[in-house]
Amino acid sequence: NDERIITIEDSAELQISSVDNIVRLETRNANTEGKGEITIRQLIK
């Protein structure tokens, strides 16, 4: 419980309740202009 974890997903599905210090990140598709995409690679970095 005392660890800090970061989850990275295409669509947020994980249900981790045992850890308090948790950051949840989710990818984002590009908008209609083809901009603003956030990939898993970018989130890992």
PDB file of all heavy atoms in Angstrom:
ATOM      1  N   ASN A   1       0.803  -1.227   0.000  1.00  0.00           N
ATOM      2  CA  ASN A   1       0.000   0.000   0.000  1.00  0.00           C
ATOM      3  C   ASN A   1       0.833   1.273   0.000  1.00  0.00           C
ATOM      4  O   ASN A   1       0.370   2.332  -0.434  1.00  0.00           O
ATOM      5  CB  ASN A   1      -0.953  -0.009   1.202  1.00  0.00           C
ATOM      6  CG  ASN A   1      -1.803   1.242   1.286  1.00  0.00           C
ATOM      7  OD1 ASN A   1      -1.500   2.152   2.037  1.00  0.00           O
ATOM      8  ND2 ASN A   1      -2.846   1.293   0.475  1.00  0.00           N
ATOM      9  N   ASP A   2       2.070   1.208   0.487  1.00  0.00           N
ATOM     10  CA  ASP A   2       2.879   2.424   0.638  1.00  0.00           C
ATOM     11  C   ASP A   2       3.679   2.779  -0.613  1.00  0.00           C
ATOM     12  O   ASP A   2       4.508   3.681  -0.592  1.00  0.00           O
ATOM     13  CB  ASP A   2       3.828   2.293   1.834  1.00  0.00           C
ATOM     14  CG  ASP A   2       4.788   1.112   1.689  1.00  0.00           C
ATOM     15  OD1 ASP A   2       4.620   0.320   0.740  1.00  0.00           O
ATOM     16  OD2 ASP A   2       5.701   0.989   2.523  1.00  0.00           O
ATOM     17  N   GLU A   3       3.418   2.099  -1.729  1.00  0.00           N
ATOM     18  CA  GLU A   3       4.151   2.388  -2.963  1.00  0.00           C
ATOM     19  C   GLU A   3       3.350   3.320  -3.868  1.00  0.00           C
ATOM     20  O   GLU A   3       2.136   3.430  -3.755  1.00  0.00           O
ATOM     21  CB  GLU A   3       4.473   1.084  -3.704  1.00  0.00           C
ATOM     22  CG  GLU A   3       5.470   0.204  -2.944  1.00  0.00           C
ATOM     23  CD  GLU A   3       5.938  -0.973  -3.765  1.00  0.00           C
ATOM     24  OE1 GLU A   3       5.761  -0.953  -4.997  1.00  0.00           O
ATOM     25  OE2 GLU A   3       6.487  -1.925  -3.181  1.00  0.00           O
ATOM     26  N   ARG A   4       4.071   3.985  -4.777  1.00  0.00           N
ATOM     27  CA  ARG A   4       3.439   4.868  -5.760  1.00  0.00           C
ATOM     28  C   ARG A   4       3.449   4.164  -7.111  1.00  0.00           C
ATOM     29  O   ARG A   4       4.510   3.774  -7.621  1.00  0.00           O
ATOM     30  CB  ARG A   4       4.194   6.194  -5.862  1.00  0.00           C
ATOM     31  CG  ARG A   4       3.679   7.141  -6.958  1.00  0.00           C
ATOM     32  CD  ARG A   4       4.428   8.457  -6.877  1.00  0.00           C
ATOM     33  NE  ARG A   4       4.161   9.359  -7.994  1.00  0.00           N
ATOM     34  CZ  ARG A   4       3.104  10.171  -8.103  1.00  0.00           C
ATOM     35  NH1 ARG A   4       2.188  10.173  -7.147  1.00  0.00           N
ATOM     36  NH2 ARG A   4       2.966  10.986  -9.128  1.00  0.00           N
ATOM     37  N   ILE A   5       2.282   3.984  -7.677  1.00  0.00           N
ATOM     38  CA  ILE A   5       2.201   3.309  -8.970  1.00  0.00           C
ATOM     39  C   ILE A   5       1.471   4.189  -9.983  1.00  0.00           C
ATOM     40  O   ILE A   5       0.626   5.016  -9.619  1.00  0.00           O
ATOM     41  CB  ILE A   5       1.520   1.922  -8.877  1.00  0.00           C
ATOM     42  CG1 ILE A   5       0.048   2.054  -8.475  1.00  0.00           C
ATOM     43  CG2 ILE A   5       2.253   1.008  -7.927  1.00  0.00           C
ATOM     44  CD1 ILE A   5      -0.692   0.733  -8.560  1.00  0.00           C
ATOM     45  N   ILE A   6       1.838   4.006 -11.247  1.00  0.00           N
ATOM     46  CA  ILE A   6       1.194   4.726 -12.343  1.00  0.00           C
ATOM     47  C   ILE A   6       0.648   3.703 -13.331  1.00  0.00           C
ATOM     48  O   ILE A   6       1.377   2.802 -13.764  1.00  0.00           O
ATOM     49  CB  ILE A   6       2.184   5.679 -13.039  1.00  0.00           C
ATOM     50  CG1 ILE A   6       2.618   6.771 -12.063  1.00  0.00           C
ATOM     51  CG2 ILE A   6       1.565   6.291 -14.291  1.00  0.00           C
ATOM     52  CD1 ILE A   6       3.622   7.757 -12.613  1.00  0.00           C
ATOM     53  N   THR A   7      -0.624   3.821 -13.652  1.00  0.00           N
ATOM     54  CA  THR A   7      -1.239   2.925 -14.640  1.00  0.00           C
ATOM     55  C   THR A   7      -1.412   3.673 -15.952  1.00  0.00           C
ATOM     56  O   THR A   7      -1.770   4.859 -15.959  1.00  0.00           O
ATOM     57  CB  THR A   7      -2.600   2.382 -14.166  1.00  0.00           C
ATOM     58  OG1 THR A   7      -3.550   3.460 -14.089  1.00  0.00           O
ATOM     59  CG2 THR A   7      -2.487   1.720 -12.811  1.00  0.00           C
ATOM     60  N   ILE A   8      -1.149   2.981 -17.042  1.00  0.00           N
ATOM     61  CA  ILE A   8      -1.238   3.574 -18.379  1.00  0.00           C
ATOM     62  C   ILE A   8      -2.072   2.642 -19.250  1.00  0.00           C
ATOM     63  O   ILE A   8      -1.740   1.466 -19.408  1.00  0.00           O
ATOM     64  CB  ILE A   8       0.173   3.762 -18.989  1.00  0.00           C
ATOM     65  CG1 ILE A   8       0.998   4.715 -18.109  1.00  0.00           C
ATOM     66  CG2 ILE A   8       0.080   4.268 -20.412  1.00  0.00           C
ATOM     67  CD1 ILE A   8       2.467   4.757 -18.464  1.00  0.00           C
ATOM     68  N   GLU A   9      -3.162   3.174 -19.831  1.00  0.00           N
ATOM     69  CA  GLU A   9      -4.080   2.329 -20.593  1.00  0.00           C
ATOM     70  C   GLU A   9      -4.641   3.061 -21.807  1.00  0.00           C
ATOM     71  O   GLU A   9      -4.701   4.289 -21.827  1.00  0.00           O
ATOM     72  CB  GLU A   9      -5.255   1.898 -19.709  1.00  0.00           C
ATOM     73  CG  GLU A   9      -4.874   1.146 -18.449  1.00  0.00           C
ATOM     74  CD  GLU A   9      -6.085   0.918 -17.574  1.00  0.00           C
ATOM     75  OE1 GLU A   9      -6.811  -0.053 -17.834  1.00  0.00           O
ATOM     76  OE2 GLU A   9      -6.309   1.717 -16.646  1.00  0.00           O
ATOM     77  N   ASP A  10      -5.072   2.277 -22.786  1.00  0.00           N
ATOM     78  CA  ASP A  10      -5.814   2.831 -23.925  1.00  0.00           C
ATOM     79  C   ASP A  10      -7.188   3.304 -23.471  1.00  0.00           C
ATOM     80  O   ASP A  10      -7.621   4.407 -23.786  1.00  0.00           O
ATOM     81  CB  ASP A  10      -5.985   1.765 -25.018  1.00  0.00           C
ATOM     82  CG  ASP A  10      -4.900   1.875 -26.073  1.00  0.00           C
ATOM     83  OD1 ASP A  10      -4.334   2.967 -26.225  1.00  0.00           O
ATOM     84  OD2 ASP A  10      -4.610   0.872 -26.731  1.00  0.00           O
ATOM     85  N   SER A  11      -7.893   2.416 -22.774  1.00  0.00           N
ATOM     86  CA  SER A  11      -9.176   2.752 -22.153  1.00  0.00           C
ATOM     87  C   SER A  11      -9.098   2.285 -20.709  1.00  0.00           C
ATOM     88  O   SER A  11      -8.799   1.115 -20.457  1.00  0.00           O
ATOM     89  CB  SER A  11     -10.334   2.034 -22.863  1.00  0.00           C
ATOM     90  OG  SER A  11     -10.489   2.527 -24.164  1.00  0.00           O
ATOM     91  N   ALA A  12      -9.331   3.193 -19.785  1.00  0.00           N
ATOM     92  CA  ALA A  12      -9.141   2.889 -18.363  1.00  0.00           C
ATOM     93  C   ALA A  12     -10.056   1.748 -17.922  1.00  0.00           C
ATOM     94  O   ALA A  12     -11.276   1.878 -17.933  1.00  0.00           O
ATOM     95  CB  ALA A  12      -9.411   4.135 -17.525  1.00  0.00           C
ATOM     96  N   GLU A  13      -9.461   0.602 -17.575  1.00  0.00           N
ATOM     97  CA  GLU A  13     -10.221  -0.584 -17.167  1.00  0.00           C
ATOM     98  C   GLU A  13      -9.760  -1.115 -15.816  1.00  0.00           C
ATOM     99  O   GLU A  13     -10.524  -1.786 -15.130  1.00  0.00           O
ATOM    100  CB  GLU A  13     -10.047  -1.698 -18.202  1.00  0.00           C
ATOM    101  CG  GLU A  13     -10.567  -1.365 -19.570  1.00  0.00           C
ATOM    102  CD  GLU A  13     -10.066  -2.330 -20.634  1.00  0.00           C
ATOM    103  OE1 GLU A  13      -9.251  -3.218 -20.319  1.00  0.00           O
ATOM    104  OE2 GLU A  13     -10.474  -2.190 -21.784  1.00  0.00           O
ATOM    105  N   LEU A  14      -8.533  -0.849 -15.443  1.00  0.00           N
ATOM    106  CA  LEU A  14      -8.001  -1.398 -14.201  1.00  0.00           C
ATOM    107  C   LEU A  14      -8.727  -0.822 -12.994  1.00  0.00           C
ATOM    108  O   LEU A  14      -9.060   0.364 -12.958  1.00  0.00           O
ATOM    109  CB  LEU A  14      -6.500  -1.114 -14.093  1.00  0.00           C
ATOM    110  CG  LEU A  14      -5.618  -1.823 -15.123  1.00  0.00           C
ATOM    111  CD1 LEU A  14      -4.188  -1.323 -15.031  1.00  0.00           C
ATOM    112  CD2 LEU A  14      -5.666  -3.329 -14.928  1.00  0.00           C
ATOM    113  N   GLN A  15      -8.965  -1.674 -12.023  1.00  0.00           N
ATOM    114  CA  GLN A  15      -9.671  -1.273 -10.802  1.00  0.00           C
ATOM    115  C   GLN A  15      -8.790  -1.612  -9.600  1.00  0.00           C
ATOM    116  O   GLN A  15      -9.063  -2.537  -8.856  1.00  0.00           O
ATOM    117  CB  GLN A  15     -11.011  -2.009 -10.698  1.00  0.00           C
ATOM    118  CG  GLN A  15     -11.949  -1.762 -11.859  1.00  0.00           C
ATOM    119  CD  GLN A  15     -13.096  -2.752 -11.886  1.00  0.00           C
ATOM    120  OE1 GLN A  15     -12.923  -3.916 -12.228  1.00  0.00           O
ATOM    121  NE2 GLN A  15     -14.284  -2.305 -11.523  1.00  0.00           N
ATOM    122  N   ILE A  16      -7.733  -0.848  -9.443  1.00  0.00           N
ATOM    123  CA  ILE A  16      -6.777  -1.120  -8.363  1.00  0.00           C
ATOM    124  C   ILE A  16      -7.172  -0.316  -7.135  1.00  0.00           C
ATOM    125  O   ILE A  16      -7.145   0.911  -7.146  1.00  0.00           O
ATOM    126  CB  ILE A  16      -5.343  -0.769  -8.808  1.00  0.00           C
ATOM    127  CG1 ILE A  16      -4.961  -1.611 -10.029  1.00  0.00           C
ATOM    128  CG2 ILE A  16      -4.351  -0.998  -7.671  1.00  0.00           C
ATOM    129  CD1 ILE A  16      -3.675  -1.206 -10.688  1.00  0.00           C
ATOM    130  N   SER A  17      -7.559  -1.006  -6.083  1.00  0.00           N
ATOM    131  CA  SER A  17      -8.041  -0.324  -4.876  1.00  0.00           C
ATOM    132  C   SER A  17      -7.117  -0.528  -3.681  1.00  0.00           C
ATOM    133  O   SER A  17      -7.336   0.056  -2.624  1.00  0.00           O
ATOM    134  CB  SER A  17      -9.447  -0.839  -4.528  1.00  0.00           C
ATOM    135  OG  SER A  17      -9.433  -2.251  -4.394  1.00  0.00           O
ATOM    136  N   SER A  18      -6.078  -1.354  -3.847  1.00  0.00           N
ATOM    137  CA  SER A  18      -5.215  -1.687  -2.702  1.00  0.00           C
ATOM    138  C   SER A  18      -4.127  -0.647  -2.458  1.00  0.00           C
ATOM    139  O   SER A  18      -3.458  -0.679  -1.426  1.00  0.00           O
ATOM    140  CB  SER A  18      -4.562  -3.056  -2.930  1.00  0.00           C
ATOM    141  OG  SER A  18      -3.812  -3.048  -4.131  1.00  0.00           O
ATOM    142  N   VAL A  19      -3.931   0.283  -3.410  1.00  0.00           N
ATOM    143  CA  VAL A  19      -2.872   1.284  -3.297  1.00  0.00           C
ATOM    144  C   VAL A  19      -3.490   2.679  -3.273  1.00  0.00           C
ATOM    145  O   VAL A  19      -4.344   3.006  -4.105  1.00  0.00           O
ATOM    146  CB  VAL A  19      -1.887   1.158  -4.483  1.00  0.00           C
ATOM    147  CG1 VAL A  19      -0.813   2.231  -4.405  1.00  0.00           C
ATOM    148  CG2 VAL A  19      -1.247  -0.224  -4.503  1.00  0.00           C
ATOM    149  N   ASP A  20      -3.051   3.507  -2.326  1.00  0.00           N
ATOM    150  CA  ASP A  20      -3.590   4.867  -2.216  1.00  0.00           C
ATOM    151  C   ASP A  20      -2.912   5.826  -3.189  1.00  0.00           C
ATOM    152  O   ASP A  20      -3.557   6.665  -3.810  1.00  0.00           O
ATOM    153  CB  ASP A  20      -3.412   5.394  -0.788  1.00  0.00           C
ATOM    154  CG  ASP A  20      -4.230   4.597   0.218  1.00  0.00           C
ATOM    155  OD1 ASP A  20      -5.316   4.106  -0.165  1.00  0.00           O
ATOM    156  OD2 ASP A  20      -3.785   4.442   1.377  1.00  0.00           O
ATOM    157  N   ASN A  21      -1.576   5.709  -3.302  1.00  0.00           N
ATOM    158  CA  ASN A  21      -0.801   6.640  -4.126  1.00  0.00           C
ATOM    159  C   ASN A  21      -0.752   6.125  -5.568  1.00  0.00           C
ATOM    160  O   ASN A  21       0.221   5.516  -6.004  1.00  0.00           O
ATOM    161  CB  ASN A  21       0.613   6.773  -3.551  1.00  0.00           C
ATOM    162  CG  ASN A  21       1.367   7.944  -4.145  1.00  0.00           C
ATOM    163  OD1 ASN A  21       0.913   8.570  -5.109  1.00  0.00           O
ATOM    164  ND2 ASN A  21       2.528   8.248  -3.590  1.00  0.00           N
ATOM    165  N   ILE A  22      -1.824   6.370  -6.296  1.00  0.00           N
ATOM    166  CA  ILE A  22      -1.953   5.847  -7.659  1.00  0.00           C
ATOM    167  C   ILE A  22      -2.299   6.969  -8.628  1.00  0.00           C
ATOM    168  O   ILE A  22      -3.124   7.839  -8.325  1.00  0.00           O
ATOM    169  CB  ILE A  22      -3.012   4.711  -7.718  1.00  0.00           C
ATOM    170  CG1 ILE A  22      -3.122   4.143  -9.136  1.00  0.00           C
ATOM    171  CG2 ILE A  22      -4.359   5.190  -7.215  1.00  0.00           C
ATOM    172  CD1 ILE A  22      -3.957   2.877  -9.220  1.00  0.00           C
ATOM    173  N   VAL A  23      -1.629   6.971  -9.778  1.00  0.00           N
ATOM    174  CA  VAL A  23      -1.917   7.928 -10.849  1.00  0.00           C
ATOM    175  C   VAL A  23      -2.410   7.123 -12.044  1.00  0.00           C
ATOM    176  O   VAL A  23      -1.745   6.179 -12.478  1.00  0.00           O
ATOM    177  CB  VAL A  23      -0.658   8.728 -11.246  1.00  0.00           C
ATOM    178  CG1 VAL A  23      -0.961   9.641 -12.433  1.00  0.00           C
ATOM    179  CG2 VAL A  23      -0.147   9.531 -10.060  1.00  0.00           C
ATOM    180  N   ARG A  24      -3.568   7.489 -12.589  1.00  0.00           N
ATOM    181  CA  ARG A  24      -4.153   6.764 -13.719  1.00  0.00           C
ATOM    182  C   ARG A  24      -4.072   7.635 -14.964  1.00  0.00           C
ATOM    183  O   ARG A  24      -4.594   8.753 -14.983  1.00  0.00           O
ATOM    184  CB  ARG A  24      -5.596   6.379 -13.413  1.00  0.00           C
ATOM    185  CG  ARG A  24      -5.747   5.551 -12.140  1.00  0.00           C
ATOM    186  CD  ARG A  24      -7.205   5.291 -11.818  1.00  0.00           C
ATOM    187  NE  ARG A  24      -7.787   4.339 -12.746  1.00  0.00           N
ATOM    188  CZ  ARG A  24      -9.064   4.359 -13.139  1.00  0.00           C
ATOM    189  NH1 ARG A  24      -9.869   5.310 -12.697  1.00  0.00           N
ATOM    190  NH2 ARG A  24      -9.522   3.451 -13.966  1.00  0.00           N
ATOM    191  N   LEU A  25      -3.425   7.121 -15.995  1.00  0.00           N
ATOM    192  CA  LEU A  25      -3.279   7.849 -17.255  1.00  0.00           C
ATOM    193  C   LEU A  25      -3.973   7.083 -18.375  1.00  0.00           C
ATOM    194  O   LEU A  25      -3.948   5.853 -18.400  1.00  0.00           O
ATOM    195  CB  LEU A  25      -1.795   8.029 -17.604  1.00  0.00           C
ATOM    196  CG  LEU A  25      -0.915   8.741 -16.558  1.00  0.00           C
ATOM    197  CD1 LEU A  25       0.526   8.788 -17.035  1.00  0.00           C
ATOM    198  CD2 LEU A  25      -1.426  10.145 -16.262  1.00  0.00           C
ATOM    199  N   GLU A  26      -4.572   7.833 -19.299  1.00  0.00           N
ATOM    200  CA  GLU A  26      -5.307   7.226 -20.403  1.00  0.00           C
ATOM    201  C   GLU A  26      -4.954   7.938 -21.709  1.00  0.00           C
ATOM    202  O   GLU A  26      -4.806   9.161 -21.735  1.00  0.00           O
ATOM    203  CB  GLU A  26      -6.813   7.330 -20.142  1.00  0.00           C
ATOM    204  CG  GLU A  26      -7.674   6.641 -21.175  1.00  0.00           C
ATOM    205  CD  GLU A  26      -9.161   6.801 -20.862  1.00  0.00           C
ATOM    206  OE1 GLU A  26      -9.602   7.942 -20.583  1.00  0.00           O
ATOM    207  OE2 GLU A  26      -9.883   5.794 -20.911  1.00  0.00           O
ATOM    208  N   THR A  27      -4.813   7.176 -22.774  1.00  0.00           N
ATOM    209  CA  THR A  27      -4.481   7.760 -24.072  1.00  0.00           C
ATOM    210  C   THR A  27      -5.622   8.625 -24.596  1.00  0.00           C
ATOM    211  O   THR A  27      -6.754   8.543 -24.103  1.00  0.00           O
ATOM    212  CB  THR A  27      -4.182   6.665 -25.121  1.00  0.00           C
ATOM    213  OG1 THR A  27      -5.358   5.865 -25.291  1.00  0.00           O
ATOM    214  CG2 THR A  27      -3.015   5.800 -24.691  1.00  0.00           C
ATOM    215  N   ARG A  28      -5.300   9.444 -25.587  1.00  0.00           N
ATOM    216  CA  ARG A  28      -6.321  10.284 -26.210  1.00  0.00           C
ATOM    217  C   ARG A  28      -6.167  10.205 -27.714  1.00  0.00           C
ATOM    218  O   ARG A  28      -5.047  10.275 -28.247  1.00  0.00           O
ATOM    219  CB  ARG A  28      -6.177  11.737 -25.739  1.00  0.00           C
ATOM    220  CG  ARG A  28      -7.286  12.655 -26.222  1.00  0.00           C
ATOM    221  CD  ARG A  28      -7.134  14.044 -25.655  1.00  0.00           C
ATOM    222  NE  ARG A  28      -6.003  14.742 -26.240  1.00  0.00           N
ATOM    223  CZ  ARG A  28      -5.543  15.923 -25.808  1.00  0.00           C
ATOM    224  NH1 ARG A  28      -6.099  16.497 -24.763  1.00  0.00           N
ATOM    225  NH2 ARG A  28      -4.512  16.495 -26.404  1.00  0.00           N
ATOM    226  N   ASN A  29      -7.279  10.073 -28.412  1.00  0.00           N
ATOM    227  CA  ASN A  29      -7.255  10.051 -29.874  1.00  0.00           C
ATOM    228  C   ASN A  29      -7.068  11.464 -30.426  1.00  0.00           C
ATOM    229  O   ASN A  29      -7.346  12.460 -29.746  1.00  0.00           O
ATOM    230  CB  ASN A  29      -8.550   9.472 -30.431  1.00  0.00           C
ATOM    231  CG  ASN A  29      -8.668   7.984 -30.167  1.00  0.00           C
ATOM    232  OD1 ASN A  29      -7.710   7.349 -29.737  1.00  0.00           O
ATOM    233  ND2 ASN A  29      -9.837   7.428 -30.410  1.00  0.00           N
ATOM    234  N   ALA A  30      -6.628  11.539 -31.668  1.00  0.00           N
ATOM    235  CA  ALA A  30      -6.502  12.842 -32.325  1.00  0.00           C
ATOM    236  C   ALA A  30      -7.879  13.452 -32.535  1.00  0.00           C
ATOM    237  O   ALA A  30      -8.880  12.732 -32.660  1.00  0.00           O
ATOM    238  CB  ALA A  30      -5.783  12.673 -33.661  1.00  0.00           C
ATOM    239  N   ASN A  31      -7.951  14.781 -32.558  1.00  0.00           N
ATOM    240  CA  ASN A  31      -9.229  15.446 -32.811  1.00  0.00           C
ATOM    241  C   ASN A  31      -9.547  15.416 -34.303  1.00  0.00           C
ATOM    242  O   ASN A  31      -8.827  14.811 -35.099  1.00  0.00           O
ATOM    243  CB  ASN A  31      -9.214  16.884 -32.263  1.00  0.00           C
ATOM    244  CG  ASN A  31      -8.128  17.739 -32.908  1.00  0.00           C
ATOM    245  OD1 ASN A  31      -7.635  17.431 -33.996  1.00  0.00           O
ATOM    246  ND2 ASN A  31      -7.755  18.818 -32.238  1.00  0.00           N
ATOM    247  N   THR A  32     -10.621  16.081 -34.687  1.00  0.00           N
ATOM    248  CA  THR A  32     -11.064  16.046 -36.087  1.00  0.00           C
ATOM    249  C   THR A  32     -10.042  16.663 -37.039  1.00  0.00           C
ATOM    250  O   THR A  32     -10.052  16.394 -38.235  1.00  0.00           O
ATOM    251  CB  THR A  32     -12.413  16.790 -36.244  1.00  0.00           C
ATOM    252  OG1 THR A  32     -12.300  18.089 -35.648  1.00  0.00           O
ATOM    253  CG2 THR A  32     -13.528  16.025 -35.563  1.00  0.00           C
ATOM    254  N   GLU A  33      -9.148  17.489 -36.486  1.00  0.00           N
ATOM    255  CA  GLU A  33      -8.107  18.094 -37.313  1.00  0.00           C
ATOM    256  C   GLU A  33      -6.837  17.253 -37.336  1.00  0.00           C
ATOM    257  O   GLU A  33      -5.817  17.651 -37.917  1.00  0.00           O
ATOM    258  CB  GLU A  33      -7.781  19.501 -36.790  1.00  0.00           C
ATOM    259  CG  GLU A  33      -8.970  20.460 -36.855  1.00  0.00           C
ATOM    260  CD  GLU A  33      -8.675  21.771 -36.148  1.00  0.00           C
ATOM    261  OE1 GLU A  33      -7.591  21.885 -35.544  1.00  0.00           O
ATOM    262  OE2 GLU A  33      -9.523  22.669 -36.200  1.00  0.00           O
ATOM    263  N   GLY A  34      -6.889  16.085 -36.680  1.00  0.00           N
ATOM    264  CA  GLY A  34      -5.725  15.211 -36.652  1.00  0.00           C
ATOM    265  C   GLY A  34      -4.679  15.608 -35.627  1.00  0.00           C
ATOM    266  O   GLY A  34      -3.539  15.139 -35.668  1.00  0.00           O
ATOM    267  N   LYS A  35      -5.058  16.464 -34.668  1.00  0.00           N
ATOM    268  CA  LYS A  35      -4.117  16.946 -33.652  1.00  0.00           C
ATOM    269  C   LYS A  35      -4.543  16.502 -32.257  1.00  0.00           C
ATOM    270  O   LYS A  35      -5.680  16.116 -32.038  1.00  0.00           O
ATOM    271  CB  LYS A  35      -4.023  18.474 -33.701  1.00  0.00           C
ATOM    272  CG  LYS A  35      -3.496  19.025 -35.021  1.00  0.00           C
ATOM    273  CD  LYS A  35      -3.497  20.538 -35.020  1.00  0.00           C
ATOM    274  CE  LYS A  35      -2.989  21.092 -36.341  1.00  0.00           C
ATOM    275  NZ  LYS A  35      -3.024  22.572 -36.378  1.00  0.00           N
ATOM    276  N   GLY A  36      -3.588  16.573 -31.334  1.00  0.00           N
ATOM    277  CA  GLY A  36      -3.909  16.325 -29.923  1.00  0.00           C
ATOM    278  C   GLY A  36      -3.831  14.881 -29.483  1.00  0.00           C
ATOM    279  O   GLY A  36      -4.211  14.558 -28.358  1.00  0.00           O
ATOM    280  N   GLU A  37      -3.329  13.991 -30.342  1.00  0.00           N
ATOM    281  CA  GLU A  37      -3.245  12.574 -29.952  1.00  0.00           C
ATOM    282  C   GLU A  37      -2.192  12.381 -28.861  1.00  0.00           C
ATOM    283  O   GLU A  37      -1.104  12.949 -28.911  1.00  0.00           O
ATOM    284  CB  GLU A  37      -2.884  11.714 -31.163  1.00  0.00           C
ATOM    285  CG  GLU A  37      -2.824  10.226 -30.835  1.00  0.00           C
ATOM    286  CD  GLU A  37      -2.381   9.367 -32.000  1.00  0.00           C
ATOM    287  OE1 GLU A  37      -1.798   9.925 -32.958  1.00  0.00           O
ATOM    288  OE2 GLU A  37      -2.613   8.147 -31.958  1.00  0.00           O
ATOM    289  N   ILE A  38      -2.554  11.579 -27.855  1.00  0.00           N
ATOM    290  CA  ILE A  38      -1.616  11.197 -26.793  1.00  0.00           C
ATOM    291  C   ILE A  38      -1.516   9.680 -26.805  1.00  0.00           C
ATOM    292  O   ILE A  38      -2.507   8.980 -26.596  1.00  0.00           O
ATOM    293  CB  ILE A  38      -2.091  11.666 -25.399  1.00  0.00           C
ATOM    294  CG1 ILE A  38      -2.359  13.178 -25.382  1.00  0.00           C
ATOM    295  CG2 ILE A  38      -1.064  11.287 -24.336  1.00  0.00           C
ATOM    296  CD1 ILE A  38      -1.129  14.035 -25.523  1.00  0.00           C
ATOM    297  N   THR A  39      -0.320   9.160 -27.075  1.00  0.00           N
ATOM    298  CA  THR A  39      -0.126   7.712 -27.213  1.00  0.00           C
ATOM    299  C   THR A  39       0.401   7.093 -25.925  1.00  0.00           C
ATOM    300  O   THR A  39       0.858   7.802 -25.015  1.00  0.00           O
ATOM    301  CB  THR A  39       0.868   7.410 -28.346  1.00  0.00           C
ATOM    302  OG1 THR A  39       2.158   7.927 -27.964  1.00  0.00           O
ATOM    303  CG2 THR A  39       0.429   8.044 -29.658  1.00  0.00           C
ATOM    304  N   ILE A  40       0.368   5.763 -25.877  1.00  0.00           N
ATOM    305  CA  ILE A  40       0.934   5.051 -24.730  1.00  0.00           C
ATOM    306  C   ILE A  40       2.431   5.345 -24.615  1.00  0.00           C
ATOM    307  O   ILE A  40       2.959   5.501 -23.508  1.00  0.00           O
ATOM    308  CB  ILE A  40       0.664   3.531 -24.837  1.00  0.00           C
ATOM    309  CG1 ILE A  40      -0.805   3.245 -24.503  1.00  0.00           C
ATOM    310  CG2 ILE A  40       1.574   2.740 -23.897  1.00  0.00           C
ATOM    311  CD1 ILE A  40      -1.168   1.787 -24.439  1.00  0.00           C
ATOM    312  N   ARG A  41       3.123   5.434 -25.744  1.00  0.00           N
ATOM    313  CA  ARG A  41       4.565   5.754 -25.723  1.00  0.00           C
ATOM    314  C   ARG A  41       4.807   7.076 -25.013  1.00  0.00           C
ATOM    315  O   ARG A  41       5.703   7.191 -24.162  1.00  0.00           O
ATOM    316  CB  ARG A  41       5.121   5.836 -27.145  1.00  0.00           C
ATOM    317  CG  ARG A  41       5.170   4.535 -27.888  1.00  0.00           C
ATOM    318  CD  ARG A  41       6.115   4.618 -29.071  1.00  0.00           C
ATOM    319  NE  ARG A  41       7.508   4.581 -28.641  1.00  0.00           N
ATOM    320  CZ  ARG A  41       8.539   4.595 -29.471  1.00  0.00           C
ATOM    321  NH1 ARG A  41       8.341   4.676 -30.781  1.00  0.00           N
ATOM    322  NH2 ARG A  41       9.777   4.565 -29.020  1.00  0.00           N
ATOM    323  N   GLN A  42       4.004   8.084 -25.345  1.00  0.00           N
ATOM    324  CA  GLN A  42       4.166   9.394 -24.716  1.00  0.00           C
ATOM    325  C   GLN A  42       3.868   9.326 -23.218  1.00  0.00           C
ATOM    326  O   GLN A  42       4.562   9.956 -22.410  1.00  0.00           O
ATOM    327  CB  GLN A  42       3.235  10.410 -25.389  1.00  0.00           C
ATOM    328  CG  GLN A  42       3.629  10.756 -26.816  1.00  0.00           C
ATOM    329  CD  GLN A  42       2.580  11.601 -27.503  1.00  0.00           C
ATOM    330  OE1 GLN A  42       1.454  11.151 -27.738  1.00  0.00           O
ATOM    331  NE2 GLN A  42       2.914  12.833 -27.841  1.00  0.00           N
ATOM    332  N   LEU A  43       2.852   8.555 -22.853  1.00  0.00           N
ATOM    333  CA  LEU A  43       2.477   8.454 -21.443  1.00  0.00           C
ATOM    334  C   LEU A  43       3.544   7.723 -20.633  1.00  0.00           C
ATOM    335  O   LEU A  43       3.802   8.073 -19.476  1.00  0.00           O
ATOM    336  CB  LEU A  43       1.119   7.752 -21.305  1.00  0.00           C
ATOM    337  CG  LEU A  43      -0.090   8.531 -21.841  1.00  0.00           C
ATOM    338  CD1 LEU A  43      -1.363   7.706 -21.704  1.00  0.00           C
ATOM    339  CD2 LEU A  43      -0.247   9.862 -21.116  1.00  0.00           C
ATOM    340  N   ILE A  44       4.149   6.692 -21.214  1.00  0.00           N
ATOM    341  CA  ILE A  44       5.225   5.979 -20.498  1.00  0.00           C
ATOM    342  C   ILE A  44       6.386   6.933 -20.240  1.00  0.00           C
ATOM    343  O   ILE A  44       6.932   6.996 -19.128  1.00  0.00           O
ATOM    344  CB  ILE A  44       5.699   4.741 -21.298  1.00  0.00           C
ATOM    345  CG1 ILE A  44       4.600   3.670 -21.326  1.00  0.00           C
ATOM    346  CG2 ILE A  44       6.970   4.152 -20.656  1.00  0.00           C
ATOM    347  CD1 ILE A  44       4.916   2.460 -22.196  1.00  0.00           C
ATOM    348  N   LYS A  45       6.757   7.705 -21.269  1.00  0.00           N
ATOM    349  CA  LYS A  45       7.857   8.662 -21.096  1.00  0.00           C
ATOM    350  C   LYS A  45       7.505   9.719 -20.045  1.00  0.00           C
ATOM    351  O   LYS A  45       8.352  10.090 -19.227  1.00  0.00           O
ATOM    352  CB  LYS A  45       8.175   9.318 -22.439  1.00  0.00           C
ATOM    353  CG  LYS A  45       8.843   8.367 -23.431  1.00  0.00           C
ATOM    354  CD  LYS A  45       8.987   8.992 -24.811  1.00  0.00           C
ATOM    355  CE  LYS A  45       9.595   7.996 -25.796  1.00  0.00           C
ATOM    356  NZ  LYS A  45       9.627   8.512 -27.181  1.00  0.00           N
TER     357      LYS A  45
END
